Every structure is written in structure tokens, then in C-alpha cells.
């Protein structure tokens, strides 16, 4: 995968994980609540990683 496509793909997957986590009915089961928390955490971590890649990419190593 090209580096220029990596950030948008990471953001898209992260947003998708956050959306999926919001659709899980966590009040029905402890396991579903844990799954919801895990997916939300992975989505937020992916957004943070994409932001860090974006910031580092702007500095330009030559």
C-alpha cells in the first residue's frame, strides 16, 4: 500500500469501528459491553495513529 493512501484508509477503518461499536446493544450482556468498549478503543487508537502519521508526514525527511 502506498504511504499516501495509508492515512485515509486508517481513518476510514477507525470511523467504521466506532460506528459499529455504537450499534452494539451493550445493555443486554457484559460480553457485548466489553466488545463495544474494545471496538471503540481500537477506533480511537486508529484515529490517533492516523493523526500522528499525518503530523510526522508534514515535516518532510529529505
C-alpha atoms as a PDB file:
ATOM      1  CA  UNK A   1       0.000   0.000   0.000  1.00  0.00           C
ATOM      2  CA  UNK A   2       1.279   3.447  -0.845  1.00  0.00           C
ATOM      3  CA  UNK A   3       2.027   5.736   2.044  1.00  0.00           C
ATOM      4  CA  UNK A   4      -0.283   8.423   0.652  1.00  0.00           C
ATOM      5  CA  UNK A   5      -3.252   6.038   0.833  1.00  0.00           C
ATOM      6  CA  UNK A   6      -2.429   4.718   4.295  1.00  0.00           C
ATOM      7  CA  UNK A   7      -3.787   7.622   6.321  1.00  0.00           C
ATOM      8  CA  UNK A   8      -7.235   7.829   4.667  1.00  0.00           C
ATOM      9  CA  UNK A   9      -7.659   4.056   4.887  1.00  0.00           C
ATOM     10  CA  UNK A  10      -6.695   4.066   8.570  1.00  0.00           C
ATOM     11  CA  UNK A  11      -9.150   6.876   9.275  1.00  0.00           C
ATOM     12  CA  UNK A  12     -11.930   5.114   7.349  1.00  0.00           C
ATOM     13  CA  UNK A  13     -11.415   1.835   9.204  1.00  0.00           C
ATOM     14  CA  UNK A  14     -11.271   3.664  12.524  1.00  0.00           C
ATOM     15  CA  UNK A  15     -14.511   5.505  11.842  1.00  0.00           C
ATOM     16  CA  UNK A  16     -16.123   2.243  10.764  1.00  0.00           C
ATOM     17  CA  UNK A  17     -15.071   0.597  14.044  1.00  0.00           C
ATOM     18  CA  UNK A  18     -16.517   3.491  16.029  1.00  0.00           C
ATOM     19  CA  UNK A  19     -19.813   3.270  14.122  1.00  0.00           C
ATOM     20  CA  UNK A  20     -20.020  -0.493  14.606  1.00  0.00           C
ATOM     21  CA  UNK A  21     -19.329  -0.099  18.317  1.00  0.00           C
ATOM     22  CA  UNK A  22     -22.220   2.347  18.622  1.00  0.00           C
ATOM     23  CA  UNK A  23     -24.615  -0.182  17.057  1.00  0.00           C
ATOM     24  CA  UNK A  24     -23.916  -2.919  19.627  1.00  0.00           C
ATOM     25  CA  UNK A  25     -26.593  -3.127  22.355  1.00  0.00           C
ATOM     26  CA  UNK A  26     -24.265  -3.153  25.365  1.00  0.00           C
ATOM     27  CA  UNK A  27     -27.025  -3.205  27.980  1.00  0.00           C
ATOM     28  CA  UNK A  28     -28.031  -6.798  27.148  1.00  0.00           C
ATOM     29  CA  UNK A  29     -24.798  -8.573  28.046  1.00  0.00           C
ATOM     30  CA  UNK A  30     -21.482  -7.988  29.754  1.00  0.00           C
ATOM     31  CA  UNK A  31     -19.663  -9.530  26.781  1.00  0.00           C
ATOM     32  CA  UNK A  32     -21.366  -7.163  24.362  1.00  0.00           C
ATOM     33  CA  UNK A  33     -20.355  -4.237  26.558  1.00  0.00           C
ATOM     34  CA  UNK A  34     -16.765  -5.450  26.546  1.00  0.00           C
ATOM     35  CA  UNK A  35     -16.863  -5.876  22.760  1.00  0.00           C
ATOM     36  CA  UNK A  36     -18.282  -2.383  22.372  1.00  0.00           C
ATOM     37  CA  UNK A  37     -15.537  -0.919  24.563  1.00  0.00           C
ATOM     38  CA  UNK A  38     -12.847  -2.839  22.673  1.00  0.00           C
ATOM     39  CA  UNK A  39     -14.093  -1.691  19.256  1.00  0.00           C
ATOM     40  CA  UNK A  40     -14.407   1.895  20.436  1.00  0.00           C
ATOM     41  CA  UNK A  41     -10.879   1.804  21.848  1.00  0.00           C
ATOM     42  CA  UNK A  42      -9.463   0.379  18.623  1.00  0.00           C
ATOM     43  CA  UNK A  43     -11.274   3.024  16.610  1.00  0.00           C
ATOM     44  CA  UNK A  44      -9.940   5.850  18.765  1.00  0.00           C
ATOM     45  CA  UNK A  45      -6.441   4.375  18.701  1.00  0.00           C
ATOM     46  CA  UNK A  46      -6.588   4.202  14.901  1.00  0.00           C
ATOM     47  CA  UNK A  47      -7.655   7.844  14.690  1.00  0.00           C
ATOM     48  CA  UNK A  48      -4.783   8.863  16.957  1.00  0.00           C
ATOM     49  CA  UNK A  49      -2.299   6.839  14.895  1.00  0.00           C
ATOM     50  CA  UNK A  50      -3.559   8.425  11.670  1.00  0.00           C
ATOM     51  CA  UNK A  51      -3.205  11.889  13.209  1.00  0.00           C
ATOM     52  CA  UNK A  52       0.364  11.144  14.303  1.00  0.00           C
ATOM     53  CA  UNK A  53       1.261   9.856  10.825  1.00  0.00           C
ATOM     54  CA  UNK A  54      -0.239  12.978   9.307  1.00  0.00           C
ATOM     55  CA  UNK A  55       1.743  15.247  11.627  1.00  0.00           C
ATOM     56  CA  UNK A  56       5.009  13.372  11.046  1.00  0.00           C
ATOM     57  CA  UNK A  57       4.449  13.322   7.285  1.00  0.00           C
ATOM     58  CA  UNK A  58       4.287  17.102   7.129  1.00  0.00           C
ATOM     59  CA  UNK A  59       7.805  17.589   8.488  1.00  0.00           C
ATOM     60  CA  UNK A  60       9.437  16.132   5.376  1.00  0.00           C
ATOM     61  CA  UNK A  61      12.533  13.948   5.733  1.00  0.00           C
ATOM     62  CA  UNK A  62      14.964  14.620   2.892  1.00  0.00           C
END
